[in-house]
C-alpha atoms as a PDB file:
ATOM      1  CA  MET A   1     -22.795 -18.496 -53.908  1.00  0.00           C
ATOM      2  CA  ARG A   2     -22.021 -21.358 -51.676  1.00  0.00           C
ATOM      3  CA  LEU A   3     -18.267 -21.132 -52.497  1.00  0.00           C
ATOM      4  CA  ASN A   4     -18.397 -17.419 -51.669  1.00  0.00           C
ATOM      5  CA  HIS A   5     -20.127 -18.217 -48.384  1.00  0.00           C
ATOM      6  CA  HIS A   6     -17.347 -20.702 -47.534  1.00  0.00           C
ATOM      7  CA  LEU A   7     -14.556 -18.206 -48.575  1.00  0.00           C
ATOM      8  CA  SER A   8     -16.185 -15.514 -46.411  1.00  0.00           C
ATOM      9  CA  ALA A   9     -16.391 -17.805 -43.496  1.00  0.00           C
ATOM     10  CA  ALA A  10     -12.767 -18.959 -43.915  1.00  0.00           C
ATOM     11  CA  VAL A  11     -11.651 -15.262 -44.109  1.00  0.00           C
ATOM     12  CA  ALA A  12     -13.556 -14.485 -40.996  1.00  0.00           C
ATOM     13  CA  VAL A  13     -11.938 -17.430 -39.218  1.00  0.00           C
ATOM     14  CA  VAL A  14      -8.525 -16.356 -40.302  1.00  0.00           C
ATOM     15  CA  ALA A  15      -9.197 -12.696 -39.142  1.00  0.00           C
ATOM     16  CA  ALA A  16     -10.425 -13.841 -35.731  1.00  0.00           C
ATOM     17  CA  ALA A  17      -7.347 -16.011 -35.442  1.00  0.00           C
ATOM     18  CA  ALA A  18      -5.106 -13.043 -36.428  1.00  0.00           C
ATOM     19  CA  ALA A  19      -6.952 -10.784 -33.831  1.00  0.00           C
ATOM     20  CA  PHE A  20      -6.528 -13.430 -31.191  1.00  0.00           C
ATOM     21  CA  ALA A  21      -2.870 -13.757 -31.831  1.00  0.00           C
ATOM     22  CA  ALA A  22      -2.365 -10.170 -31.662  1.00  0.00           C
ATOM     23  CA  SER A  23      -4.244  -9.673 -28.538  1.00  0.00           C
ATOM     24  CA  THR A  24      -2.141 -12.629 -27.068  1.00  0.00           C
ATOM     25  CA  ALA A  25       1.079 -10.968 -28.299  1.00  0.00           C
ATOM     26  CA  VAL A  26       0.137  -7.740 -26.436  1.00  0.00           C
ATOM     27  CA  ALA A  27      -0.664  -9.775 -23.373  1.00  0.00           C
ATOM     28  CA  VAL A  28       2.731 -11.575 -23.451  1.00  0.00           C
ATOM     29  CA  ALA A  29       4.431  -8.341 -23.824  1.00  0.00           C
ATOM     30  CA  GLN A  30       3.312  -6.992 -20.584  1.00  0.00           C
ATOM     31  CA  ASP A  31       6.277  -7.968 -18.358  1.00  0.00           C
ATOM     32  CA  LYS A  32       5.343  -8.406 -14.655  1.00  0.00           C
ATOM     33  CA  LEU A  33       7.367  -6.519 -12.125  1.00  0.00           C
ATOM     34  CA  LYS A  34       6.899  -7.165  -8.385  1.00  0.00           C
ATOM     35  CA  ILE A  35       7.039  -3.878  -6.337  1.00  0.00           C
ATOM     36  CA  ALA A  36       7.396  -3.462  -2.557  1.00  0.00           C
ATOM     37  CA  ALA A  37       6.584   0.090  -1.462  1.00  0.00           C
ATOM     38  CA  GLY A  38       6.417   1.712   1.983  1.00  0.00           C
ATOM     39  CA  GLN A  39       3.437   3.333   3.382  1.00  0.00           C
ATOM     40  CA  ARG A  40       0.339   3.097   1.229  1.00  0.00           C
ATOM     41  CA  GLY A  41      -1.118   6.361   0.609  1.00  0.00           C
ATOM     42  CA  ASN A  42       1.915   8.590   0.723  1.00  0.00           C
ATOM     43  CA  TRP A  43       2.298  10.823  -2.203  1.00  0.00           C
ATOM     44  CA  ASP A  44       5.784   9.889  -3.063  1.00  0.00           C
ATOM     45  CA  SER A  45       5.439   6.206  -2.696  1.00  0.00           C
ATOM     46  CA  ALA A  46       2.211   6.190  -4.806  1.00  0.00           C
ATOM     47  CA  VAL A  47       4.241   6.598  -8.048  1.00  0.00           C
ATOM     48  CA  PRO A  48       3.868   2.839  -8.937  1.00  0.00           C
ATOM     49  CA  GLU A  49       0.232   2.838  -8.180  1.00  0.00           C
ATOM     50  CA  ILE A  50      -0.442   5.991 -10.241  1.00  0.00           C
ATOM     51  CA  MET A  51       1.710   4.575 -12.914  1.00  0.00           C
ATOM     52  CA  GLN A  52      -0.520   1.612 -13.189  1.00  0.00           C
ATOM     53  CA  ARG A  53      -3.694   3.354 -12.838  1.00  0.00           C
ATOM     54  CA  MET A  54      -3.026   5.922 -15.524  1.00  0.00           C
ATOM     55  CA  GLY A  55      -1.901   3.252 -18.056  1.00  0.00           C
ATOM     56  CA  LEU A  56       1.823   4.258 -18.062  1.00  0.00           C
ATOM     57  CA  ALA A  57       3.057   1.079 -16.925  1.00  0.00           C
ATOM     58  CA  LYS A  58       1.116  -0.678 -19.721  1.00  0.00           C
ATOM     59  CA  LYS A  59       2.343   1.869 -22.118  1.00  0.00           C
ATOM     60  CA  HIS A  60       5.729   0.539 -21.509  1.00  0.00           C
ATOM     61  CA  GLY A  61       4.988  -3.156 -21.521  1.00  0.00           C
ATOM     62  CA  LEU A  62       4.845  -3.506 -17.803  1.00  0.00           C
ATOM     63  CA  ASP A  63       2.265  -5.079 -15.388  1.00  0.00           C
ATOM     64  CA  LEU A  64       3.119  -4.054 -11.774  1.00  0.00           C
ATOM     65  CA  GLU A  65       2.230  -6.195  -8.746  1.00  0.00           C
ATOM     66  CA  ILE A  66       2.367  -3.935  -5.777  1.00  0.00           C
ATOM     67  CA  LEU A  67       3.074  -5.101  -2.123  1.00  0.00           C
ATOM     68  CA  TRP A  68       2.566  -2.376   0.383  1.00  0.00           C
ATOM     69  CA  THR A  69       4.803  -2.627   3.519  1.00  0.00           C
ATOM     70  CA  GLN A  70       4.884  -0.914   6.840  1.00  0.00           C
ATOM     71  CA  GLY A  71       8.230   0.702   6.276  1.00  0.00           C
ATOM     72  CA  ALA A  72      11.610   0.568   4.600  1.00  0.00           C
ATOM     73  CA  GLY A  73      12.883  -2.220   6.745  1.00  0.00           C
ATOM     74  CA  GLU A  74      10.337  -4.572   5.273  1.00  0.00           C
ATOM     75  CA  THR A  75      10.874  -3.149   1.806  1.00  0.00           C
ATOM     76  CA  GLN A  76      14.628  -3.348   1.793  1.00  0.00           C
ATOM     77  CA  GLN A  77      14.622  -7.067   3.156  1.00  0.00           C
ATOM     78  CA  ALA A  78      12.135  -8.107   0.382  1.00  0.00           C
ATOM     79  CA  VAL A  79      14.715  -6.754  -2.175  1.00  0.00           C
ATOM     80  CA  ILE A  80      17.690  -8.254  -0.471  1.00  0.00           C
ATOM     81  CA  SER A  81      16.029 -11.592  -0.297  1.00  0.00           C
ATOM     82  CA  ASN A  82      15.099 -11.267  -4.098  1.00  0.00           C
ATOM     83  CA  SER A  83      11.444 -11.718  -3.345  1.00  0.00           C
ATOM     84  CA  VAL A  84      10.504  -8.509  -5.290  1.00  0.00           C
ATOM     85  CA  ASP A  85      12.039  -6.952  -8.206  1.00  0.00           C
ATOM     86  CA  ILE A  86      11.946  -3.301  -7.028  1.00  0.00           C
ATOM     87  CA  GLY A  87      11.866  -1.624  -3.551  1.00  0.00           C
ATOM     88  CA  VAL A  88      10.387   1.770  -3.408  1.00  0.00           C
ATOM     89  CA  ALA A  89      11.222   4.230  -0.524  1.00  0.00           C
ATOM     90  CA  PRO A  90      13.773   2.570   1.717  1.00  0.00           C
ATOM     91  CA  GLY A  91      15.798   4.995   3.805  1.00  0.00           C
ATOM     92  CA  VAL A  92      19.051   6.197   2.341  1.00  0.00           C
ATOM     93  CA  MET A  93      20.904   5.407   5.545  1.00  0.00           C
ATOM     94  CA  GLY A  94      19.495   1.873   5.632  1.00  0.00           C
ATOM     95  CA  VAL A  95      20.550   1.309   1.990  1.00  0.00           C
ATOM     96  CA  LEU A  96      24.072   2.577   2.655  1.00  0.00           C
ATOM     97  CA  SER A  97      24.337   0.348   5.784  1.00  0.00           C
ATOM     98  CA  ALA A  98      23.331  -2.709   3.841  1.00  0.00           C
ATOM     99  CA  PHE A  99      25.499  -1.977   0.951  1.00  0.00           C
ATOM    100  CA  ALA A 100      28.493  -1.280   3.103  1.00  0.00           C
ATOM    101  CA  LYS A 101      27.886  -4.873   4.717  1.00  0.00           C
ATOM    102  CA  GLY A 102      27.815  -6.547   1.343  1.00  0.00           C
ATOM    103  CA  ALA A 103      24.144  -6.798   0.780  1.00  0.00           C
ATOM    104  CA  PRO A 104      23.333  -7.266  -3.041  1.00  0.00           C
ATOM    105  CA  VAL A 105      21.442  -3.843  -3.463  1.00  0.00           C
ATOM    106  CA  ARG A 106      21.702  -1.287  -6.032  1.00  0.00           C
ATOM    107  CA  VAL A 107      20.103   2.158  -6.310  1.00  0.00           C
ATOM    108  CA  ILE A 108      18.029   2.813  -9.454  1.00  0.00           C
ATOM    109  CA  GLY A 109      16.994   6.415  -8.370  1.00  0.00           C
ATOM    110  CA  ASN A 110      16.091   9.043  -5.965  1.00  0.00           C
ATOM    111  CA  GLN A 111      12.634   8.383  -4.344  1.00  0.00           C
ATOM    112  CA  ALA A 112      12.341  11.489  -2.185  1.00  0.00           C
ATOM    113  CA  SER A 113      14.552  14.409  -1.239  1.00  0.00           C
ATOM    114  CA  GLY A 114      14.037  17.005   1.521  1.00  0.00           C
ATOM    115  CA  ALA A 115      12.165  15.164   4.297  1.00  0.00           C
ATOM    116  CA  GLN A 116       9.699  18.065   4.461  1.00  0.00           C
ATOM    117  CA  ASP A 117       6.873  15.499   4.325  1.00  0.00           C
ATOM    118  CA  LEU A 118       7.849  13.825   7.596  1.00  0.00           C
ATOM    119  CA  PHE A 119       6.712  15.206  11.020  1.00  0.00           C
ATOM    120  CA  TRP A 120       6.603  14.211  14.683  1.00  0.00           C
ATOM    121  CA  TYR A 121       3.790  15.015  16.877  1.00  0.00           C
ATOM    122  CA  VAL A 122       2.254  14.783  20.374  1.00  0.00           C
ATOM    123  CA  LYS A 123      -1.298  14.669  21.562  1.00  0.00           C
ATOM    124  CA  ALA A 124      -2.745  18.117  21.861  1.00  0.00           C
ATOM    125  CA  ASP A 125      -2.881  18.086  25.633  1.00  0.00           C
ATOM    126  CA  SER A 126       0.589  16.505  25.947  1.00  0.00           C
ATOM    127  CA  PRO A 127       3.077  18.257  28.426  1.00  0.00           C
ATOM    128  CA  ILE A 128       5.739  17.831  25.843  1.00  0.00           C
ATOM    129  CA  LYS A 129       6.353  21.244  24.189  1.00  0.00           C
ATOM    130  CA  SER A 130       9.866  20.867  22.953  1.00  0.00           C
ATOM    131  CA  TRP A 131      12.742  18.411  22.711  1.00  0.00           C
ATOM    132  CA  LYS A 132      13.793  19.524  26.237  1.00  0.00           C
ATOM    133  CA  ASP A 133      10.721  17.728  27.519  1.00  0.00           C
ATOM    134  CA  THR A 134      11.410  14.317  26.042  1.00  0.00           C
ATOM    135  CA  GLU A 135      13.855  12.696  28.545  1.00  0.00           C
ATOM    136  CA  GLY A 136      12.524   9.130  29.119  1.00  0.00           C
ATOM    137  CA  LYS A 137       9.865   9.543  26.594  1.00  0.00           C
ATOM    138  CA  THR A 138       9.001   7.146  23.629  1.00  0.00           C
ATOM    139  CA  LEU A 139       9.864   8.378  20.126  1.00  0.00           C
ATOM    140  CA  ALA A 140       8.405   6.765  17.121  1.00  0.00           C
ATOM    141  CA  TYR A 141       9.787   5.715  13.838  1.00  0.00           C
ATOM    142  CA  SER A 142       8.337   3.006  11.309  1.00  0.00           C
ATOM    143  CA  THR A 143      10.941   0.271  10.872  1.00  0.00           C
ATOM    144  CA  ASN A 144      14.743   0.003  11.168  1.00  0.00           C
ATOM    145  CA  GLY A 145      16.353   1.357   8.038  1.00  0.00           C
ATOM    146  CA  SER A 146      13.599   3.733   7.063  1.00  0.00           C
ATOM    147  CA  SER A 147      14.129   7.367   6.316  1.00  0.00           C
ATOM    148  CA  ASN A 148      12.166   8.221   9.569  1.00  0.00           C
ATOM    149  CA  HIS A 149      14.471   6.099  11.544  1.00  0.00           C
ATOM    150  CA  GLY A 150      17.426   7.968  10.162  1.00  0.00           C
ATOM    151  CA  ILE A 151      15.872  11.086  11.156  1.00  0.00           C
ATOM    152  CA  VAL A 152      15.024   9.985  14.710  1.00  0.00           C
ATOM    153  CA  THR A 153      18.662   8.861  14.909  1.00  0.00           C
ATOM    154  CA  ALA A 154      19.615  12.361  13.866  1.00  0.00           C
ATOM    155  CA  PHE A 155      17.310  13.954  16.187  1.00  0.00           C
ATOM    156  CA  MET A 156      18.770  11.948  19.041  1.00  0.00           C
ATOM    157  CA  SER A 157      22.340  12.996  17.974  1.00  0.00           C
ATOM    158  CA  GLU A 158      21.802  16.608  17.145  1.00  0.00           C
ATOM    159  CA  GLN A 159      19.377  17.437  19.972  1.00  0.00           C
ATOM    160  CA  LYS A 160      21.334  15.262  22.530  1.00  0.00           C
ATOM    161  CA  LEU A 161      18.087  13.576  23.330  1.00  0.00           C
ATOM    162  CA  LYS A 162      17.463  11.106  26.103  1.00  0.00           C
ATOM    163  CA  ALA A 163      14.183   9.706  24.561  1.00  0.00           C
ATOM    164  CA  ARG A 164      13.624   6.139  23.775  1.00  0.00           C
ATOM    165  CA  PRO A 165      13.136   5.355  19.891  1.00  0.00           C
ATOM    166  CA  VAL A 166      10.586   2.747  19.326  1.00  0.00           C
ATOM    167  CA  ALA A 167       9.539   1.026  15.953  1.00  0.00           C
ATOM    168  CA  THR A 168       5.775   1.602  15.664  1.00  0.00           C
ATOM    169  CA  GLY A 169       5.039   0.626  12.020  1.00  0.00           C
ATOM    170  CA  GLY A 170       2.903   2.921   9.683  1.00  0.00           C
ATOM    171  CA  PRO A 171       1.189   6.174  10.559  1.00  0.00           C
ATOM    172  CA  PRO A 172      -2.315   4.550  11.412  1.00  0.00           C
ATOM    173  CA  ALA A 173      -0.768   2.194  13.879  1.00  0.00           C
ATOM    174  CA  THR A 174       1.416   4.791  15.257  1.00  0.00           C
ATOM    175  CA  LEU A 175      -1.620   7.264  15.788  1.00  0.00           C
ATOM    176  CA  THR A 176      -3.438   4.469  17.697  1.00  0.00           C
ATOM    177  CA  GLN A 177      -0.442   4.111  20.035  1.00  0.00           C
ATOM    178  CA  VAL A 178      -0.112   7.709  20.561  1.00  0.00           C
ATOM    179  CA  MET A 179      -3.889   8.550  21.304  1.00  0.00           C
ATOM    180  CA  SER A 180      -3.944   5.500  23.615  1.00  0.00           C
ATOM    181  CA  GLY A 181      -0.815   6.616  25.477  1.00  0.00           C
ATOM    182  CA  GLN A 182       1.290   3.735  24.508  1.00  0.00           C
ATOM    183  CA  ILE A 183       3.684   6.071  22.677  1.00  0.00           C
ATOM    184  CA  ASP A 184       4.684   9.675  23.648  1.00  0.00           C
ATOM    185  CA  ILE A 185       5.785  11.050  20.180  1.00  0.00           C
ATOM    186  CA  GLY A 186       4.431   9.767  16.996  1.00  0.00           C
ATOM    187  CA  TRP A 187       5.349  10.203  13.424  1.00  0.00           C
ATOM    188  CA  ALA A 188       3.297  10.739  10.280  1.00  0.00           C
ATOM    189  CA  ALA A 189       3.459  11.802   6.546  1.00  0.00           C
ATOM    190  CA  PRO A 190       0.542  13.542   4.643  1.00  0.00           C
ATOM    191  CA  PRO A 191      -2.104  12.904   3.789  1.00  0.00           C
ATOM    192  CA  PHE A 192      -2.130  11.045   7.142  1.00  0.00           C
ATOM    193  CA  GLY A 193      -2.287  13.269  10.161  1.00  0.00           C
ATOM    194  CA  LEU A 194      -3.768  16.317   8.369  1.00  0.00           C
ATOM    195  CA  ASP A 195      -7.360  15.716   9.719  1.00  0.00           C
ATOM    196  CA  GLN A 196      -5.931  15.338  13.182  1.00  0.00           C
ATOM    197  CA  LEU A 197      -3.922  18.667  12.884  1.00  0.00           C
ATOM    198  CA  ASP A 198      -6.974  20.507  11.545  1.00  0.00           C
ATOM    199  CA  LYS A 199      -9.145  19.219  14.397  1.00  0.00           C
ATOM    200  CA  ASN A 200      -6.369  20.187  17.062  1.00  0.00           C
ATOM    201  CA  GLU A 201      -6.155  16.633  18.288  1.00  0.00           C
ATOM    202  CA  ILE A 202      -2.389  16.614  17.709  1.00  0.00           C
ATOM    203  CA  ARG A 203       0.523  19.066  17.678  1.00  0.00           C
ATOM    204  CA  VAL A 204       3.642  19.038  15.519  1.00  0.00           C
ATOM    205  CA  LEU A 205       6.689  18.744  17.618  1.00  0.00           C
ATOM    206  CA  ALA A 206       9.331  18.594  14.807  1.00  0.00           C
ATOM    207  CA  LYS A 207       9.820  18.018  11.013  1.00  0.00           C
ATOM    208  CA  GLY A 208      12.285  15.898   9.219  1.00  0.00           C
ATOM    209  CA  SER A 209      13.569  18.994   7.390  1.00  0.00           C
ATOM    210  CA  ASP A 210      14.728  20.310  10.793  1.00  0.00           C
ATOM    211  CA  THR A 211      17.701  17.907  10.806  1.00  0.00           C
ATOM    212  CA  ALA A 212      20.742  17.425   8.556  1.00  0.00           C
ATOM    213  CA  PHE A 213      18.473  15.497   6.299  1.00  0.00           C
ATOM    214  CA  GLY A 214      16.709  18.660   5.336  1.00  0.00           C
ATOM    215  CA  GLY A 215      17.428  19.241   1.512  1.00  0.00           C
ATOM    216  CA  GLN A 216      19.111  15.946   0.778  1.00  0.00           C
ATOM    217  CA  THR A 217      17.906  12.663  -0.666  1.00  0.00           C
ATOM    218  CA  VAL A 218      16.213  10.562   2.216  1.00  0.00           C
ATOM    219  CA  ARG A 219      14.843   7.513   0.225  1.00  0.00           C
ATOM    220  CA  PHE A 220      15.953   5.547  -2.703  1.00  0.00           C
ATOM    221  CA  ASN A 221      14.475   3.139  -5.212  1.00  0.00           C
ATOM    222  CA  ILE A 222      16.463  -0.089  -5.124  1.00  0.00           C
ATOM    223  CA  VAL A 223      16.942  -3.474  -6.731  1.00  0.00           C
ATOM    224  CA  ASN A 224      18.725  -6.637  -6.028  1.00  0.00           C
ATOM    225  CA  THR A 225      21.836  -7.094  -8.193  1.00  0.00           C
ATOM    226  CA  GLN A 226      20.400 -10.215  -9.759  1.00  0.00           C
ATOM    227  CA  THR A 227      17.383  -8.235 -10.860  1.00  0.00           C
ATOM    228  CA  LEU A 228      19.680  -5.475 -12.231  1.00  0.00           C
ATOM    229  CA  THR A 229      21.300  -7.941 -14.388  1.00  0.00           C
ATOM    230  CA  ALA A 230      18.324 -10.207 -15.272  1.00  0.00           C
ATOM    231  CA  LYS A 231      15.822  -7.486 -16.006  1.00  0.00           C
ATOM    232  CA  LYS A 232      17.806  -4.612 -17.385  1.00  0.00           C
ATOM    233  CA  ASP A 233      15.377  -3.916 -20.252  1.00  0.00           C
ATOM    234  CA  GLN A 234      12.344  -3.949 -17.927  1.00  0.00           C
ATOM    235  CA  LEU A 235      14.059  -1.665 -15.407  1.00  0.00           C
ATOM    236  CA  ALA A 236      14.768   0.633 -18.341  1.00  0.00           C
ATOM    237  CA  ARG A 237      11.220   0.703 -19.346  1.00  0.00           C
ATOM    238  CA  PHE A 238      10.152   1.173 -15.514  1.00  0.00           C
ATOM    239  CA  ALA A 239      12.423   4.159 -15.231  1.00  0.00           C
ATOM    240  CA  LYS A 240      10.773   5.814 -18.404  1.00  0.00           C
ATOM    241  CA  ALA A 241       7.315   5.043 -16.950  1.00  0.00           C
ATOM    242  CA  TYR A 242       8.423   6.456 -13.561  1.00  0.00           C
ATOM    243  CA  ARG A 243       9.755   9.830 -15.054  1.00  0.00           C
ATOM    244  CA  GLU A 244       6.431  10.207 -17.118  1.00  0.00           C
ATOM    245  CA  THR A 245       4.412   9.352 -13.938  1.00  0.00           C
ATOM    246  CA  VAL A 246       5.978  11.959 -11.859  1.00  0.00           C
ATOM    247  CA  ALA A 247       5.244  14.532 -14.426  1.00  0.00           C
ATOM    248  CA  ALA A 248       1.552  13.376 -14.745  1.00  0.00           C
ATOM    249  CA  MET A 249       1.157  13.555 -10.963  1.00  0.00           C
ATOM    250  CA  TYR A 250       1.593  17.300 -11.174  1.00  0.00           C
ATOM    251  CA  THR A 251      -1.345  17.646 -13.567  1.00  0.00           C
ATOM    252  CA  ASP A 252      -4.947  17.787 -12.691  1.00  0.00           C
ATOM    253  CA  ALA A 253      -5.508  14.219 -14.080  1.00  0.00           C
ATOM    254  CA  GLY A 254      -2.711  12.789 -11.878  1.00  0.00           C
ATOM    255  CA  LEU A 255      -4.055  14.484  -8.795  1.00  0.00           C
ATOM    256  CA  LYS A 256      -7.661  13.155  -9.512  1.00  0.00           C
ATOM    257  CA  THR A 257      -6.111   9.746  -9.910  1.00  0.00           C
ATOM    258  CA  TYR A 258      -4.418   9.944  -6.561  1.00  0.00           C
ATOM    259  CA  ALA A 259      -7.477  11.443  -4.669  1.00  0.00           C
ATOM    260  CA  ASP A 260      -9.754   8.678  -6.258  1.00  0.00           C
ATOM    261  CA  TRP A 261      -7.425   5.990  -5.230  1.00  0.00           C
ATOM    262  CA  LEU A 262      -7.472   6.890  -1.602  1.00  0.00           C
ATOM    263  CA  GLY A 263     -11.024   8.210  -1.587  1.00  0.00           C
ATOM    264  CA  ILE A 264     -10.016  11.519  -0.172  1.00  0.00           C
ATOM    265  CA  PRO A 265     -11.228  15.011  -1.058  1.00  0.00           C
ATOM    266  CA  LEU A 266      -9.312  16.665  -4.127  1.00  0.00           C
ATOM    267  CA  ALA A 267      -8.420  19.584  -1.943  1.00  0.00           C
ATOM    268  CA  LYS A 268      -6.709  17.261   0.683  1.00  0.00           C
ATOM    269  CA  ALA A 269      -4.901  15.682  -2.176  1.00  0.00           C
ATOM    270  CA  GLN A 270      -3.672  18.825  -3.476  1.00  0.00           C
ATOM    271  CA  ARG A 271      -2.589  20.099  -0.116  1.00  0.00           C
ATOM    272  CA  THR A 272      -0.574  16.954   0.310  1.00  0.00           C
ATOM    273  CA  ARG A 273       1.124  17.428  -2.943  1.00  0.00           C
ATOM    274  CA  ASP A 274       1.524  21.179  -3.024  1.00  0.00           C
ATOM    275  CA  ASP A 275       2.550  21.805   0.542  1.00  0.00           C
ATOM    276  CA  PHE A 276       4.860  18.896   1.116  1.00  0.00           C
ATOM    277  CA  PHE A 277       6.128  17.531  -2.198  1.00  0.00           C
ATOM    278  CA  PRO A 278       7.551  19.848  -4.753  1.00  0.00           C
ATOM    279  CA  ARG A 279       7.982  18.046  -7.917  1.00  0.00           C
ATOM    280  CA  SER A 280      11.840  18.266  -7.739  1.00  0.00           C
ATOM    281  CA  SER A 281      11.744  16.125  -4.555  1.00  0.00           C
ATOM    282  CA  ILE A 282      10.637  12.966  -6.211  1.00  0.00           C
ATOM    283  CA  GLU A 283      12.391  13.196  -9.525  1.00  0.00           C
ATOM    284  CA  LEU A 284      14.002   9.898 -10.215  1.00  0.00           C
ATOM    285  CA  ASP A 285      17.349  11.232 -11.557  1.00  0.00           C
ATOM    286  CA  THR A 286      17.903  13.860  -8.797  1.00  0.00           C
ATOM    287  CA  ILE A 287      19.948  12.429  -5.997  1.00  0.00           C
ATOM    288  CA  ILE A 288      20.959  15.334  -3.622  1.00  0.00           C
ATOM    289  CA  GLY A 289      23.711  15.747  -1.157  1.00  0.00           C
ATOM    290  CA  LEU A 290      25.778  12.487  -1.455  1.00  0.00           C
ATOM    291  CA  ASP A 291      28.777  14.092   0.249  1.00  0.00           C
ATOM    292  CA  VAL A 292      26.555  14.988   3.334  1.00  0.00           C
ATOM    293  CA  ILE A 293      24.894  11.699   3.210  1.00  0.00           C
ATOM    294  CA  VAL A 294      28.144   9.806   3.361  1.00  0.00           C
ATOM    295  CA  LYS A 295      29.290  11.709   6.391  1.00  0.00           C
ATOM    296  CA  GLU A 296      26.110  11.483   8.249  1.00  0.00           C
ATOM    297  CA  ALA A 297      26.159   7.657   7.584  1.00  0.00           C
ATOM    298  CA  VAL A 298      29.334   7.566   9.764  1.00  0.00           C
ATOM    299  CA  ASN A 299      28.337   9.964  12.226  1.00  0.00           C
ATOM    300  CA  LEU A 300      25.135   8.243  12.924  1.00  0.00           C
ATOM    301  CA  LYS A 301      26.811   4.787  12.899  1.00  0.00           C
ATOM    302  CA  TYR A 302      25.243   3.344   9.836  1.00  0.00           C
ATOM    303  CA  THR A 303      28.497   2.664   8.213  1.00  0.00           C
ATOM    304  CA  ALA A 304      31.900   2.188   9.880  1.00  0.00           C
ATOM    305  CA  GLN A 305      33.585   4.450   7.401  1.00  0.00           C
ATOM    306  CA  PRO A 306      32.713   6.690   4.560  1.00  0.00           C
ATOM    307  CA  VAL A 307      31.538   4.985   1.298  1.00  0.00           C
ATOM    308  CA  THR A 308      33.984   5.941  -1.328  1.00  0.00           C
ATOM    309  CA  LYS A 309      33.155   7.554  -4.807  1.00  0.00           C
ATOM    310  CA  GLU A 310      34.163   4.309  -6.433  1.00  0.00           C
ATOM    311  CA  GLN A 311      31.761   2.585  -4.201  1.00  0.00           C
ATOM    312  CA  LEU A 312      28.875   4.956  -4.881  1.00  0.00           C
ATOM    313  CA  ASP A 313      29.503   4.528  -8.663  1.00  0.00           C
ATOM    314  CA  GLN A 314      28.913   0.775  -8.152  1.00  0.00           C
ATOM    315  CA  LEU A 315      25.921   1.410  -5.827  1.00  0.00           C
ATOM    316  CA  ILE A 316      24.008   3.920  -8.017  1.00  0.00           C
ATOM    317  CA  GLN A 317      22.729   2.500 -11.288  1.00  0.00           C
ATOM    318  CA  ILE A 318      19.953   4.761 -12.579  1.00  0.00           C
ATOM    319  CA  PRO A 319      18.753   3.645 -16.061  1.00  0.00           C
ATOM    320  CA  PRO A 320      19.541   6.331 -18.455  1.00  0.00           C
ATOM    321  CA  LYS A 321      16.822   8.470 -20.167  1.00  0.00           C
END
């Protein structure tokens, strides 16, 4: 009996050790990726957060550390300096400009197309009724190189405006500046601003889709060239998880995850998704309107000359399905 007792104890010890080793192996298999993402709370930039919360990052052996930025300028700079692995949502014009100047950036996918989510607004009692009333007025965008900066540049060019563009950071900071009279025309993206619109505290002046950006890719996901080489396998797994997350976000479970994360009503989350973000607009593999993008980059003075097809082939490195 004593021998059997010792054998049982030994077996238990071995089993425990094996279980510990297995759990350690699983832990080691979770590769960490540092993500810089613009505008916490926006539906499109929420993909990495939802990926983590729904277990899809873990499914592909990834552990995401997410840093939220005030806009694409901060996000892009974090990638260029190689302080993060992936930048989510830098503006397409900012990326093209940086690439044309020799910055070590590469595109690993579409982040958002269409610009139907971005809108510019004024206080409800503002005398500004249309673009013709904006001479000498301040016009907000988040940070240099962001998609909304590109759209403001397009507004200035297409509408021949004499307004003064001003970097105001994210939607909450921008709203404060508009309501306090520091800024005349603010910018926002749902779900931010919906409550103020419903309460008639603000009025929409224009939408991003009103410009040449309407219908084309406006934001990318990017990496540093060093990351592209050193973490090719992790990026491939991230791309797989990203595609699965986008699909999940258009289910009831994904919508609830988003609403719970932000602490907003499910109806508001659904309005944000269904009214502003068709699934096709955030699909990783769908980059739209490159020919228009390249021409507009020159017209808006982001690049000195058109980026060539050969350069685009070098820039765009989407991991295969």
